[in-house]
């Protein structure tokens, strides 16, 4: 199974109604996969006229009650940024699939990278909740896509599923099956059943535009409270996974599609591997594990160690520069070269 097929299966398991995507490598593989299954599973896969048109159509369809997902890559995600904030203000649930590719600009569009973590976390003006999940293999992609739909609908929130070309287009085999499918329920009213307003402006509980300082603060506080509720709910899921020697004082931290190469590379070594699945919210267990560690090694497929910076922001703990293994030539890690680099840092 490829990562794209897995995300498609997770969306189908979640009873998706509408998928919108403008062709952009490596996200296009998901659109093709979903398009081939739309009739049998009674949903629509549609190519809009642009990424901007797509996300606004997605928010409109979701407002009307459809379980909606859009997919894009690098430059396309840049184009949809303004509408992320529209989601944050209107609180209309939305799932976004972001398949990273090397940039900036066109970069090398048919190769792989993990350089879009920062933009996935920060894109959009103002302050509003979001969920960011990065599966590491197709089994996780099935599960985490289902969780992304569940959280978006339960909290009327923005869920982002972050992958890359390596996961999206590589073929994997597994002796495991995904967890039981979560039932997706919505807790909001829909047009046709009630009078429903959605407003991009700050508004009162009826959806009417408002500018009072009291209401502005009240709504901002409500968005923060919602994020805290989301974080509590996420603790029900696997936010991180720990592999190898669970008692080791040497920790390797990585995320996304690096998972399988790391697992091959560390076989027989004195270390534990923390694979981060939920990047926002981030598990408090990461700090607990890091505080007990003797040595921490960071592995990322980008040039600046973006996850490492986020961990420092959330925990106050910095991973030493000499213990960062970063690859950013557009290619994924190879397990043998990775093992050599890990062994050097474990000495």
C-alpha atoms as a PDB file:
ATOM      1  CA  UNK A   1       0.000   0.000   0.000  1.00  0.00           C
ATOM      2  CA  UNK A   2       1.186   3.547  -0.747  1.00  0.00           C
ATOM      3  CA  UNK A   3       0.688   6.452   1.631  1.00  0.00           C
ATOM      4  CA  UNK A   4      -1.745   8.025  -0.845  1.00  0.00           C
ATOM      5  CA  UNK A   5      -3.894   4.892  -0.948  1.00  0.00           C
ATOM      6  CA  UNK A   6      -3.811   4.802   2.845  1.00  0.00           C
ATOM      7  CA  UNK A   7      -4.977   8.409   3.261  1.00  0.00           C
ATOM      8  CA  UNK A   8      -7.718   7.688   0.727  1.00  0.00           C
ATOM      9  CA  UNK A   9      -8.808   4.661   2.753  1.00  0.00           C
ATOM     10  CA  UNK A  10      -8.816   6.723   5.940  1.00  0.00           C
ATOM     11  CA  UNK A  11     -11.034   9.321   4.253  1.00  0.00           C
ATOM     12  CA  UNK A  12     -13.410   6.649   2.930  1.00  0.00           C
ATOM     13  CA  UNK A  13     -13.548   5.061   6.391  1.00  0.00           C
ATOM     14  CA  UNK A  14     -14.558   8.504   7.689  1.00  0.00           C
ATOM     15  CA  UNK A  15     -17.502   8.659   5.239  1.00  0.00           C
ATOM     16  CA  UNK A  16     -16.070  11.555   3.240  1.00  0.00           C
ATOM     17  CA  UNK A  17     -18.627  13.398   1.093  1.00  0.00           C
ATOM     18  CA  UNK A  18     -16.369  15.691  -0.961  1.00  0.00           C
ATOM     19  CA  UNK A  19     -12.686  15.812  -1.920  1.00  0.00           C
ATOM     20  CA  UNK A  20     -11.346  18.874  -3.724  1.00  0.00           C
ATOM     21  CA  UNK A  21      -7.855  19.100  -5.199  1.00  0.00           C
ATOM     22  CA  UNK A  22      -6.058  21.066  -7.881  1.00  0.00           C
ATOM     23  CA  UNK A  23      -3.303  18.894  -9.415  1.00  0.00           C
ATOM     24  CA  UNK A  24       0.047  19.368  -7.682  1.00  0.00           C
ATOM     25  CA  UNK A  25       2.750  16.766  -7.112  1.00  0.00           C
ATOM     26  CA  UNK A  26       2.827  14.832  -4.806  1.00  0.00           C
ATOM     27  CA  UNK A  27      -0.748  15.476  -3.614  1.00  0.00           C
ATOM     28  CA  UNK A  28      -2.237  14.512  -6.994  1.00  0.00           C
ATOM     29  CA  UNK A  29      -1.835  10.796  -6.251  1.00  0.00           C
ATOM     30  CA  UNK A  30      -4.463  11.113  -3.508  1.00  0.00           C
ATOM     31  CA  UNK A  31      -6.914  12.840  -5.845  1.00  0.00           C
ATOM     32  CA  UNK A  32      -6.457  10.084  -8.435  1.00  0.00           C
ATOM     33  CA  UNK A  33      -6.942   7.411  -5.789  1.00  0.00           C
ATOM     34  CA  UNK A  34     -10.123   8.964  -4.388  1.00  0.00           C
ATOM     35  CA  UNK A  35     -11.514   9.653  -7.868  1.00  0.00           C
ATOM     36  CA  UNK A  36     -11.260   5.933  -8.658  1.00  0.00           C
ATOM     37  CA  UNK A  37     -13.367   5.038  -5.602  1.00  0.00           C
ATOM     38  CA  UNK A  38     -15.965   7.819  -5.571  1.00  0.00           C
ATOM     39  CA  UNK A  39     -18.832   5.994  -7.282  1.00  0.00           C
ATOM     40  CA  UNK A  40     -18.526   2.819  -5.207  1.00  0.00           C
ATOM     41  CA  UNK A  41     -18.406   4.836  -1.976  1.00  0.00           C
ATOM     42  CA  UNK A  42     -20.920   7.573  -2.824  1.00  0.00           C
ATOM     43  CA  UNK A  43     -18.775  10.698  -2.581  1.00  0.00           C
ATOM     44  CA  UNK A  44     -17.479  13.289  -5.039  1.00  0.00           C
ATOM     45  CA  UNK A  45     -13.853  13.910  -6.005  1.00  0.00           C
ATOM     46  CA  UNK A  46     -13.676  17.213  -7.876  1.00  0.00           C
ATOM     47  CA  UNK A  47     -10.960  19.339  -9.491  1.00  0.00           C
ATOM     48  CA  UNK A  48     -11.776  23.047  -8.976  1.00  0.00           C
ATOM     49  CA  UNK A  49     -10.438  25.894 -11.111  1.00  0.00           C
ATOM     50  CA  UNK A  50      -7.718  26.785  -8.570  1.00  0.00           C
ATOM     51  CA  UNK A  51      -6.491  26.098  -5.053  1.00  0.00           C
ATOM     52  CA  UNK A  52      -8.163  29.286  -3.803  1.00  0.00           C
ATOM     53  CA  UNK A  53     -11.469  28.296  -5.391  1.00  0.00           C
ATOM     54  CA  UNK A  54     -11.074  24.794  -3.961  1.00  0.00           C
ATOM     55  CA  UNK A  55     -10.714  25.741  -0.320  1.00  0.00           C
ATOM     56  CA  UNK A  56     -13.566  28.251  -0.442  1.00  0.00           C
ATOM     57  CA  UNK A  57     -15.781  25.639  -2.095  1.00  0.00           C
ATOM     58  CA  UNK A  58     -14.686  23.194   0.607  1.00  0.00           C
ATOM     59  CA  UNK A  59     -15.681  25.562   3.414  1.00  0.00           C
ATOM     60  CA  UNK A  60     -19.016  26.225   1.694  1.00  0.00           C
ATOM     61  CA  UNK A  61     -19.728  22.516   1.297  1.00  0.00           C
ATOM     62  CA  UNK A  62     -18.740  21.836   4.891  1.00  0.00           C
ATOM     63  CA  UNK A  63     -21.060  24.642   6.042  1.00  0.00           C
ATOM     64  CA  UNK A  64     -23.872  22.806   4.267  1.00  0.00           C
ATOM     65  CA  UNK A  65     -23.023  19.578   6.116  1.00  0.00           C
ATOM     66  CA  UNK A  66     -20.575  17.691   3.865  1.00  0.00           C
ATOM     67  CA  UNK A  67     -17.540  15.946   5.372  1.00  0.00           C
ATOM     68  CA  UNK A  68     -14.963  17.729   3.261  1.00  0.00           C
ATOM     69  CA  UNK A  69     -11.241  17.376   2.572  1.00  0.00           C
ATOM     70  CA  UNK A  70      -8.893  19.244   0.254  1.00  0.00           C
ATOM     71  CA  UNK A  71      -5.410  18.285  -0.892  1.00  0.00           C
ATOM     72  CA  UNK A  72      -2.426  20.297  -2.073  1.00  0.00           C
ATOM     73  CA  UNK A  73       1.346  20.740  -1.917  1.00  0.00           C
ATOM     74  CA  UNK A  74       3.785  23.627  -1.274  1.00  0.00           C
ATOM     75  CA  UNK A  75       2.742  26.567  -3.441  1.00  0.00           C
ATOM     76  CA  UNK A  76      -0.887  25.484  -3.431  1.00  0.00           C
ATOM     77  CA  UNK A  77      -0.903  25.543   0.364  1.00  0.00           C
ATOM     78  CA  UNK A  78       0.457  29.102   0.237  1.00  0.00           C
ATOM     79  CA  UNK A  79      -2.539  30.093  -1.879  1.00  0.00           C
ATOM     80  CA  UNK A  80      -5.115  28.690   0.541  1.00  0.00           C
ATOM     81  CA  UNK A  81      -3.612  30.425   3.595  1.00  0.00           C
ATOM     82  CA  UNK A  82      -6.182  33.243   3.857  1.00  0.00           C
ATOM     83  CA  UNK A  83      -9.013  30.737   3.935  1.00  0.00           C
ATOM     84  CA  UNK A  84      -7.411  28.904   6.857  1.00  0.00           C
ATOM     85  CA  UNK A  85      -8.185  31.989   8.910  1.00  0.00           C
ATOM     86  CA  UNK A  86     -11.714  32.005   7.458  1.00  0.00           C
ATOM     87  CA  UNK A  87     -12.096  28.515   8.901  1.00  0.00           C
ATOM     88  CA  UNK A  88     -10.725  29.712  12.240  1.00  0.00           C
ATOM     89  CA  UNK A  89     -13.323  32.492  12.504  1.00  0.00           C
ATOM     90  CA  UNK A  90     -16.333  30.647  11.082  1.00  0.00           C
ATOM     91  CA  UNK A  91     -15.495  27.387  12.903  1.00  0.00           C
ATOM     92  CA  UNK A  92     -16.589  25.265   9.961  1.00  0.00           C
ATOM     93  CA  UNK A  93     -14.823  21.862  10.126  1.00  0.00           C
ATOM     94  CA  UNK A  94     -12.206  21.187   7.465  1.00  0.00           C
ATOM     95  CA  UNK A  95      -9.538  18.552   6.756  1.00  0.00           C
ATOM     96  CA  UNK A  96      -6.483  19.452   4.664  1.00  0.00           C
ATOM     97  CA  UNK A  97      -3.998  17.025   3.158  1.00  0.00           C
ATOM     98  CA  UNK A  98      -0.582  18.660   2.653  1.00  0.00           C
ATOM     99  CA  UNK A  99       1.997  16.586   0.773  1.00  0.00           C
ATOM    100  CA  UNK A 100       5.358  18.360   1.119  1.00  0.00           C
ATOM    101  CA  UNK A 101       7.835  18.808  -1.694  1.00  0.00           C
ATOM    102  CA  UNK A 102      11.229  20.563  -1.826  1.00  0.00           C
ATOM    103  CA  UNK A 103      11.052  24.347  -2.208  1.00  0.00           C
ATOM    104  CA  UNK A 104      11.096  27.305  -2.084  1.00  0.00           C
ATOM    105  CA  UNK A 105       8.928  28.150  -5.099  1.00  0.00           C
ATOM    106  CA  UNK A 106       8.827  25.313  -7.655  1.00  0.00           C
ATOM    107  CA  UNK A 107      11.912  23.716  -6.076  1.00  0.00           C
ATOM    108  CA  UNK A 108      12.302  20.156  -7.299  1.00  0.00           C
ATOM    109  CA  UNK A 109       8.615  19.217  -7.376  1.00  0.00           C
ATOM    110  CA  UNK A 110       8.941  15.469  -7.944  1.00  0.00           C
ATOM    111  CA  UNK A 111      11.240  14.810  -4.971  1.00  0.00           C
ATOM    112  CA  UNK A 112      10.795  14.581  -1.203  1.00  0.00           C
ATOM    113  CA  UNK A 113      11.354  16.799   1.831  1.00  0.00           C
ATOM    114  CA  UNK A 114       9.958  17.710   5.264  1.00  0.00           C
ATOM    115  CA  UNK A 115      10.452  21.452   4.900  1.00  0.00           C
ATOM    116  CA  UNK A 116       6.769  22.453   5.110  1.00  0.00           C
ATOM    117  CA  UNK A 117       6.294  21.747   8.809  1.00  0.00           C
ATOM    118  CA  UNK A 118       6.671  25.405   9.787  1.00  0.00           C
ATOM    119  CA  UNK A 119       4.147  26.681   7.254  1.00  0.00           C
ATOM    120  CA  UNK A 120       1.639  23.972   8.205  1.00  0.00           C
ATOM    121  CA  UNK A 121       1.875  25.132  11.820  1.00  0.00           C
ATOM    122  CA  UNK A 122       1.904  28.898  11.274  1.00  0.00           C
ATOM    123  CA  UNK A 123      -0.088  29.617   8.104  1.00  0.00           C
ATOM    124  CA  UNK A 124      -3.041  31.939   8.544  1.00  0.00           C
ATOM    125  CA  UNK A 125      -3.476  35.288  10.273  1.00  0.00           C
ATOM    126  CA  UNK A 126      -4.879  35.656  13.759  1.00  0.00           C
ATOM    127  CA  UNK A 127      -4.966  33.009  16.459  1.00  0.00           C
ATOM    128  CA  UNK A 128      -7.178  29.946  16.120  1.00  0.00           C
ATOM    129  CA  UNK A 129      -6.956  26.204  16.869  1.00  0.00           C
ATOM    130  CA  UNK A 130      -5.575  23.640  14.479  1.00  0.00           C
ATOM    131  CA  UNK A 131      -4.557  19.992  14.588  1.00  0.00           C
ATOM    132  CA  UNK A 132      -1.422  18.833  12.748  1.00  0.00           C
ATOM    133  CA  UNK A 133      -0.789  15.112  12.340  1.00  0.00           C
ATOM    134  CA  UNK A 134       2.124  13.471  10.481  1.00  0.00           C
ATOM    135  CA  UNK A 135       1.801   9.691   9.907  1.00  0.00           C
ATOM    136  CA  UNK A 136       4.945   7.644   9.288  1.00  0.00           C
ATOM    137  CA  UNK A 137       3.629   4.696   7.270  1.00  0.00           C
ATOM    138  CA  UNK A 138       0.419   3.655   5.478  1.00  0.00           C
ATOM    139  CA  UNK A 139      -1.127   1.942   8.517  1.00  0.00           C
ATOM    140  CA  UNK A 140      -0.743   5.158  10.499  1.00  0.00           C
ATOM    141  CA  UNK A 141      -1.989   7.154   7.505  1.00  0.00           C
ATOM    142  CA  UNK A 142      -5.277   5.204   7.514  1.00  0.00           C
ATOM    143  CA  UNK A 143      -5.686   5.701  11.271  1.00  0.00           C
ATOM    144  CA  UNK A 144      -4.573   9.324  11.508  1.00  0.00           C
ATOM    145  CA  UNK A 145      -6.717  10.442   8.576  1.00  0.00           C
ATOM    146  CA  UNK A 146      -9.718   8.980  10.376  1.00  0.00           C
ATOM    147  CA  UNK A 147      -8.651  10.794  13.567  1.00  0.00           C
ATOM    148  CA  UNK A 148      -8.257  14.055  11.627  1.00  0.00           C
ATOM    149  CA  UNK A 149     -11.866  13.827  10.405  1.00  0.00           C
ATOM    150  CA  UNK A 150     -13.061  12.875  13.891  1.00  0.00           C
ATOM    151  CA  UNK A 151     -11.377  15.854  15.555  1.00  0.00           C
ATOM    152  CA  UNK A 152     -12.411  18.328  12.843  1.00  0.00           C
ATOM    153  CA  UNK A 153     -16.068  17.359  13.157  1.00  0.00           C
ATOM    154  CA  UNK A 154     -16.152  17.048  16.940  1.00  0.00           C
ATOM    155  CA  UNK A 155     -14.560  20.453  17.539  1.00  0.00           C
ATOM    156  CA  UNK A 156     -15.527  22.294  14.310  1.00  0.00           C
ATOM    157  CA  UNK A 157     -11.799  22.683  13.765  1.00  0.00           C
ATOM    158  CA  UNK A 158      -9.032  22.601  11.177  1.00  0.00           C
ATOM    159  CA  UNK A 159      -7.172  19.299  10.832  1.00  0.00           C
ATOM    160  CA  UNK A 160      -4.025  19.088   8.688  1.00  0.00           C
ATOM    161  CA  UNK A 161      -2.515  15.764   7.610  1.00  0.00           C
ATOM    162  CA  UNK A 162       1.143  16.301   6.676  1.00  0.00           C
ATOM    163  CA  UNK A 163       3.018  13.832   4.468  1.00  0.00           C
ATOM    164  CA  UNK A 164       5.676  13.980   1.739  1.00  0.00           C
ATOM    165  CA  UNK A 165       6.442  12.320  -1.583  1.00  0.00           C
ATOM    166  CA  UNK A 166       8.358   9.474   0.068  1.00  0.00           C
ATOM    167  CA  UNK A 167       5.334   8.366   2.083  1.00  0.00           C
ATOM    168  CA  UNK A 168       2.745   9.330  -0.530  1.00  0.00           C
ATOM    169  CA  UNK A 169       4.258   7.407  -3.444  1.00  0.00           C
ATOM    170  CA  UNK A 170       6.364   4.617  -1.908  1.00  0.00           C
ATOM    171  CA  UNK A 171       4.901   1.137  -1.592  1.00  0.00           C
ATOM    172  CA  UNK A 172       4.938  -0.517   1.831  1.00  0.00           C
ATOM    173  CA  UNK A 173       3.943  -3.918   3.135  1.00  0.00           C
ATOM    174  CA  UNK A 174       2.811  -4.607   6.681  1.00  0.00           C
ATOM    175  CA  UNK A 175       1.687  -7.454   8.904  1.00  0.00           C
ATOM    176  CA  UNK A 176      -0.509  -5.083  10.928  1.00  0.00           C
ATOM    177  CA  UNK A 177      -4.041  -3.831  10.423  1.00  0.00           C
ATOM    178  CA  UNK A 178      -5.334  -0.337  11.224  1.00  0.00           C
ATOM    179  CA  UNK A 179      -7.184   0.316  14.476  1.00  0.00           C
ATOM    180  CA  UNK A 180     -10.968   0.162  14.600  1.00  0.00           C
ATOM    181  CA  UNK A 181     -12.567   2.946  12.562  1.00  0.00           C
ATOM    182  CA  UNK A 182     -13.819   5.925  14.550  1.00  0.00           C
ATOM    183  CA  UNK A 183     -17.420   6.933  13.961  1.00  0.00           C
ATOM    184  CA  UNK A 184     -17.565  10.532  12.767  1.00  0.00           C
ATOM    185  CA  UNK A 185     -20.314  12.621  14.365  1.00  0.00           C
ATOM    186  CA  UNK A 186     -21.092  16.293  13.953  1.00  0.00           C
ATOM    187  CA  UNK A 187     -22.462  18.422  16.779  1.00  0.00           C
ATOM    188  CA  UNK A 188     -23.692  21.430  14.792  1.00  0.00           C
ATOM    189  CA  UNK A 189     -26.817  22.590  13.005  1.00  0.00           C
ATOM    190  CA  UNK A 190     -27.036  22.602   9.209  1.00  0.00           C
ATOM    191  CA  UNK A 191     -28.891  24.874   6.781  1.00  0.00           C
ATOM    192  CA  UNK A 192     -32.270  23.402   5.972  1.00  0.00           C
ATOM    193  CA  UNK A 193     -32.803  22.215   9.532  1.00  0.00           C
ATOM    194  CA  UNK A 194     -32.310  25.600  11.205  1.00  0.00           C
ATOM    195  CA  UNK A 195     -31.260  29.183  10.521  1.00  0.00           C
ATOM    196  CA  UNK A 196     -27.466  28.992  10.487  1.00  0.00           C
ATOM    197  CA  UNK A 197     -25.023  31.876  10.069  1.00  0.00           C
ATOM    198  CA  UNK A 198     -21.288  31.732   9.454  1.00  0.00           C
ATOM    199  CA  UNK A 199     -19.401  35.014   9.589  1.00  0.00           C
ATOM    200  CA  UNK A 200     -15.777  35.845   8.735  1.00  0.00           C
ATOM    201  CA  UNK A 201     -16.116  38.916  10.954  1.00  0.00           C
ATOM    202  CA  UNK A 202     -15.944  38.699  14.748  1.00  0.00           C
ATOM    203  CA  UNK A 203     -19.489  37.871  15.771  1.00  0.00           C
ATOM    204  CA  UNK A 204     -21.906  37.053  18.556  1.00  0.00           C
ATOM    205  CA  UNK A 205     -23.384  33.604  19.262  1.00  0.00           C
ATOM    206  CA  UNK A 206     -26.067  34.188  16.621  1.00  0.00           C
ATOM    207  CA  UNK A 207     -23.484  34.884  13.888  1.00  0.00           C
ATOM    208  CA  UNK A 208     -24.145  38.627  13.823  1.00  0.00           C
ATOM    209  CA  UNK A 209     -21.160  40.925  13.240  1.00  0.00           C
ATOM    210  CA  UNK A 210     -19.829  42.549  16.417  1.00  0.00           C
ATOM    211  CA  UNK A 211     -16.890  44.769  17.386  1.00  0.00           C
ATOM    212  CA  UNK A 212     -17.147  45.163  21.163  1.00  0.00           C
ATOM    213  CA  UNK A 213     -13.883  44.627  23.087  1.00  0.00           C
ATOM    214  CA  UNK A 214     -15.659  42.384  25.576  1.00  0.00           C
ATOM    215  CA  UNK A 215     -16.980  40.055  22.885  1.00  0.00           C
ATOM    216  CA  UNK A 216     -13.670  40.106  21.000  1.00  0.00           C
ATOM    217  CA  UNK A 217     -11.834  38.937  24.115  1.00  0.00           C
ATOM    218  CA  UNK A 218     -14.558  36.448  24.965  1.00  0.00           C
ATOM    219  CA  UNK A 219     -14.319  34.836  21.534  1.00  0.00           C
ATOM    220  CA  UNK A 220     -10.510  34.723  21.656  1.00  0.00           C
ATOM    221  CA  UNK A 221     -10.710  33.026  25.057  1.00  0.00           C
ATOM    222  CA  UNK A 222     -13.237  30.549  23.648  1.00  0.00           C
ATOM    223  CA  UNK A 223     -10.846  29.608  20.833  1.00  0.00           C
ATOM    224  CA  UNK A 224      -8.045  28.980  23.340  1.00  0.00           C
ATOM    225  CA  UNK A 225     -10.410  26.935  25.501  1.00  0.00           C
ATOM    226  CA  UNK A 226     -11.369  24.878  22.456  1.00  0.00           C
ATOM    227  CA  UNK A 227      -7.714  24.142  21.711  1.00  0.00           C
ATOM    228  CA  UNK A 228      -7.228  22.886  25.276  1.00  0.00           C
ATOM    229  CA  UNK A 229     -10.249  20.625  24.831  1.00  0.00           C
ATOM    230  CA  UNK A 230      -8.771  19.324  21.572  1.00  0.00           C
ATOM    231  CA  UNK A 231      -5.469  18.569  23.306  1.00  0.00           C
ATOM    232  CA  UNK A 232      -7.280  16.617  26.021  1.00  0.00           C
ATOM    233  CA  UNK A 233      -9.170  14.620  23.384  1.00  0.00           C
ATOM    234  CA  UNK A 234      -5.969  13.881  21.436  1.00  0.00           C
ATOM    235  CA  UNK A 235      -4.539  12.126  24.489  1.00  0.00           C
ATOM    236  CA  UNK A 236      -6.946   9.289  23.684  1.00  0.00           C
ATOM    237  CA  UNK A 237      -4.894   8.580  20.561  1.00  0.00           C
ATOM    238  CA  UNK A 238      -1.272   7.608  19.917  1.00  0.00           C
ATOM    239  CA  UNK A 239       0.373  11.033  19.802  1.00  0.00           C
ATOM    240  CA  UNK A 240       3.853   9.490  19.904  1.00  0.00           C
ATOM    241  CA  UNK A 241       5.194   5.955  19.553  1.00  0.00           C
ATOM    242  CA  UNK A 242       8.316   4.640  21.275  1.00  0.00           C
ATOM    243  CA  UNK A 243      10.413   1.837  19.756  1.00  0.00           C
ATOM    244  CA  UNK A 244      13.560  -0.240  20.364  1.00  0.00           C
ATOM    245  CA  UNK A 245      15.237  -0.249  23.818  1.00  0.00           C
ATOM    246  CA  UNK A 246      12.586   1.372  26.009  1.00  0.00           C
ATOM    247  CA  UNK A 247      15.012   1.646  28.953  1.00  0.00           C
ATOM    248  CA  UNK A 248      17.838   3.349  27.047  1.00  0.00           C
ATOM    249  CA  UNK A 249      19.072   6.802  28.079  1.00  0.00           C
ATOM    250  CA  UNK A 250      19.853   7.579  24.418  1.00  0.00           C
ATOM    251  CA  UNK A 251      16.867   9.015  22.556  1.00  0.00           C
ATOM    252  CA  UNK A 252      16.296   9.446  18.841  1.00  0.00           C
ATOM    253  CA  UNK A 253      13.468  11.806  17.868  1.00  0.00           C
ATOM    254  CA  UNK A 254      11.984  12.023  14.387  1.00  0.00           C
ATOM    255  CA  UNK A 255       8.677  12.300  12.547  1.00  0.00           C
ATOM    256  CA  UNK A 256       6.815  11.422   9.373  1.00  0.00           C
ATOM    257  CA  UNK A 257       8.238   9.171   6.679  1.00  0.00           C
ATOM    258  CA  UNK A 258      11.655   8.942   8.363  1.00  0.00           C
ATOM    259  CA  UNK A 259      10.113   6.307  10.615  1.00  0.00           C
ATOM    260  CA  UNK A 260      10.857   3.190   8.583  1.00  0.00           C
ATOM    261  CA  UNK A 261      14.474   4.131   7.802  1.00  0.00           C
ATOM    262  CA  UNK A 262      15.106   4.923  11.468  1.00  0.00           C
ATOM    263  CA  UNK A 263      13.638   1.606  12.604  1.00  0.00           C
ATOM    264  CA  UNK A 264      15.944  -0.278  10.226  1.00  0.00           C
ATOM    265  CA  UNK A 265      18.954   1.840  11.200  1.00  0.00           C
ATOM    266  CA  UNK A 266      18.701   1.425  14.990  1.00  0.00           C
ATOM    267  CA  UNK A 267      18.285  -2.340  15.128  1.00  0.00           C
ATOM    268  CA  UNK A 268      20.623  -3.620  17.852  1.00  0.00           C
ATOM    269  CA  UNK A 269      21.727  -0.150  18.992  1.00  0.00           C
ATOM    270  CA  UNK A 270      21.409   1.167  22.556  1.00  0.00           C
ATOM    271  CA  UNK A 271      18.714   3.784  21.986  1.00  0.00           C
ATOM    272  CA  UNK A 272      14.992   4.374  22.093  1.00  0.00           C
ATOM    273  CA  UNK A 273      13.183   5.961  19.178  1.00  0.00           C
ATOM    274  CA  UNK A 274      10.400   8.502  19.754  1.00  0.00           C
ATOM    275  CA  UNK A 275       8.311   8.890  16.632  1.00  0.00           C
ATOM    276  CA  UNK A 276       6.179  12.047  16.846  1.00  0.00           C
ATOM    277  CA  UNK A 277       2.756  11.692  15.216  1.00  0.00           C
ATOM    278  CA  UNK A 278       0.871  14.666  16.652  1.00  0.00           C
ATOM    279  CA  UNK A 279       2.881  17.841  16.214  1.00  0.00           C
ATOM    280  CA  UNK A 280       0.009  20.114  17.266  1.00  0.00           C
ATOM    281  CA  UNK A 281      -1.078  19.457  19.929  1.00  0.00           C
ATOM    282  CA  UNK A 282       2.238  17.973  21.073  1.00  0.00           C
ATOM    283  CA  UNK A 283       2.360  15.221  23.654  1.00  0.00           C
ATOM    284  CA  UNK A 284       3.642  16.156  27.126  1.00  0.00           C
ATOM    285  CA  UNK A 285       5.351  12.751  27.195  1.00  0.00           C
ATOM    286  CA  UNK A 286       8.084  14.091  24.892  1.00  0.00           C
ATOM    287  CA  UNK A 287       9.367  16.428  27.598  1.00  0.00           C
ATOM    288  CA  UNK A 288       9.155  13.684  30.213  1.00  0.00           C
ATOM    289  CA  UNK A 289      11.273  11.367  28.056  1.00  0.00           C
ATOM    290  CA  UNK A 290      13.795  14.052  27.115  1.00  0.00           C
ATOM    291  CA  UNK A 291      14.379  15.064  30.740  1.00  0.00           C
ATOM    292  CA  UNK A 292      15.469  11.502  31.549  1.00  0.00           C
ATOM    293  CA  UNK A 293      17.804  11.216  28.553  1.00  0.00           C
ATOM    294  CA  UNK A 294      21.584  11.166  28.497  1.00  0.00           C
ATOM    295  CA  UNK A 295      21.829  11.934  24.776  1.00  0.00           C
ATOM    296  CA  UNK A 296      19.169  13.143  22.292  1.00  0.00           C
ATOM    297  CA  UNK A 297      19.559  12.804  18.528  1.00  0.00           C
ATOM    298  CA  UNK A 298      17.226  14.606  16.122  1.00  0.00           C
ATOM    299  CA  UNK A 299      16.588  13.233  12.606  1.00  0.00           C
ATOM    300  CA  UNK A 300      14.788  15.360  10.029  1.00  0.00           C
ATOM    301  CA  UNK A 301      14.481  15.628   6.257  1.00  0.00           C
ATOM    302  CA  UNK A 302      14.997  19.420   6.181  1.00  0.00           C
ATOM    303  CA  UNK A 303      17.886  21.845   6.612  1.00  0.00           C
ATOM    304  CA  UNK A 304      16.926  23.653   9.819  1.00  0.00           C
ATOM    305  CA  UNK A 305      15.577  21.002  12.185  1.00  0.00           C
ATOM    306  CA  UNK A 306      12.020  22.348  12.277  1.00  0.00           C
ATOM    307  CA  UNK A 307      10.635  19.736  14.670  1.00  0.00           C
ATOM    308  CA  UNK A 308      13.582  20.377  16.976  1.00  0.00           C
ATOM    309  CA  UNK A 309      12.663  24.062  17.143  1.00  0.00           C
ATOM    310  CA  UNK A 310       9.037  23.238  17.913  1.00  0.00           C
ATOM    311  CA  UNK A 311      10.105  20.851  20.671  1.00  0.00           C
ATOM    312  CA  UNK A 312      12.309  23.582  22.155  1.00  0.00           C
ATOM    313  CA  UNK A 313       9.386  26.029  21.994  1.00  0.00           C
ATOM    314  CA  UNK A 314       7.046  23.585  23.748  1.00  0.00           C
ATOM    315  CA  UNK A 315       9.452  22.046  26.270  1.00  0.00           C
ATOM    316  CA  UNK A 316      12.288  24.544  26.742  1.00  0.00           C
ATOM    317  CA  UNK A 317      14.743  21.737  25.892  1.00  0.00           C
ATOM    318  CA  UNK A 318      17.282  22.280  23.108  1.00  0.00           C
ATOM    319  CA  UNK A 319      18.795  19.445  21.084  1.00  0.00           C
ATOM    320  CA  UNK A 320      22.504  20.100  20.515  1.00  0.00           C
ATOM    321  CA  UNK A 321      23.436  21.045  16.972  1.00  0.00           C
ATOM    322  CA  UNK A 322      26.067  18.302  16.768  1.00  0.00           C
ATOM    323  CA  UNK A 323      23.329  15.760  17.538  1.00  0.00           C
ATOM    324  CA  UNK A 324      21.125  16.770  14.617  1.00  0.00           C
ATOM    325  CA  UNK A 325      21.097  14.535  11.530  1.00  0.00           C
ATOM    326  CA  UNK A 326      19.562  16.568   8.719  1.00  0.00           C
ATOM    327  CA  UNK A 327      19.162  15.549   5.070  1.00  0.00           C
ATOM    328  CA  UNK A 328      17.873  18.068   2.550  1.00  0.00           C
ATOM    329  CA  UNK A 329      18.940  17.022  -0.948  1.00  0.00           C
ATOM    330  CA  UNK A 330      15.410  16.085  -1.993  1.00  0.00           C
ATOM    331  CA  UNK A 331      15.938  12.404  -1.212  1.00  0.00           C
ATOM    332  CA  UNK A 332      14.725  10.372   1.777  1.00  0.00           C
ATOM    333  CA  UNK A 333      17.081   8.798   4.305  1.00  0.00           C
ATOM    334  CA  UNK A 334      18.728   5.471   3.540  1.00  0.00           C
ATOM    335  CA  UNK A 335      18.931   3.170   6.547  1.00  0.00           C
ATOM    336  CA  UNK A 336      22.616   2.256   6.128  1.00  0.00           C
ATOM    337  CA  UNK A 337      23.838   5.866   5.877  1.00  0.00           C
ATOM    338  CA  UNK A 338      21.563   6.797   8.755  1.00  0.00           C
ATOM    339  CA  UNK A 339      22.965   4.008  10.934  1.00  0.00           C
ATOM    340  CA  UNK A 340      26.509   5.303  10.362  1.00  0.00           C
ATOM    341  CA  UNK A 341      25.473   8.805  11.420  1.00  0.00           C
ATOM    342  CA  UNK A 342      23.652   7.544  14.519  1.00  0.00           C
ATOM    343  CA  UNK A 343      26.601   5.374  15.594  1.00  0.00           C
ATOM    344  CA  UNK A 344      28.947   8.375  15.374  1.00  0.00           C
ATOM    345  CA  UNK A 345      26.754  10.356  17.745  1.00  0.00           C
ATOM    346  CA  UNK A 346      26.239   7.492  20.197  1.00  0.00           C
ATOM    347  CA  UNK A 347      29.986   7.130  20.825  1.00  0.00           C
END
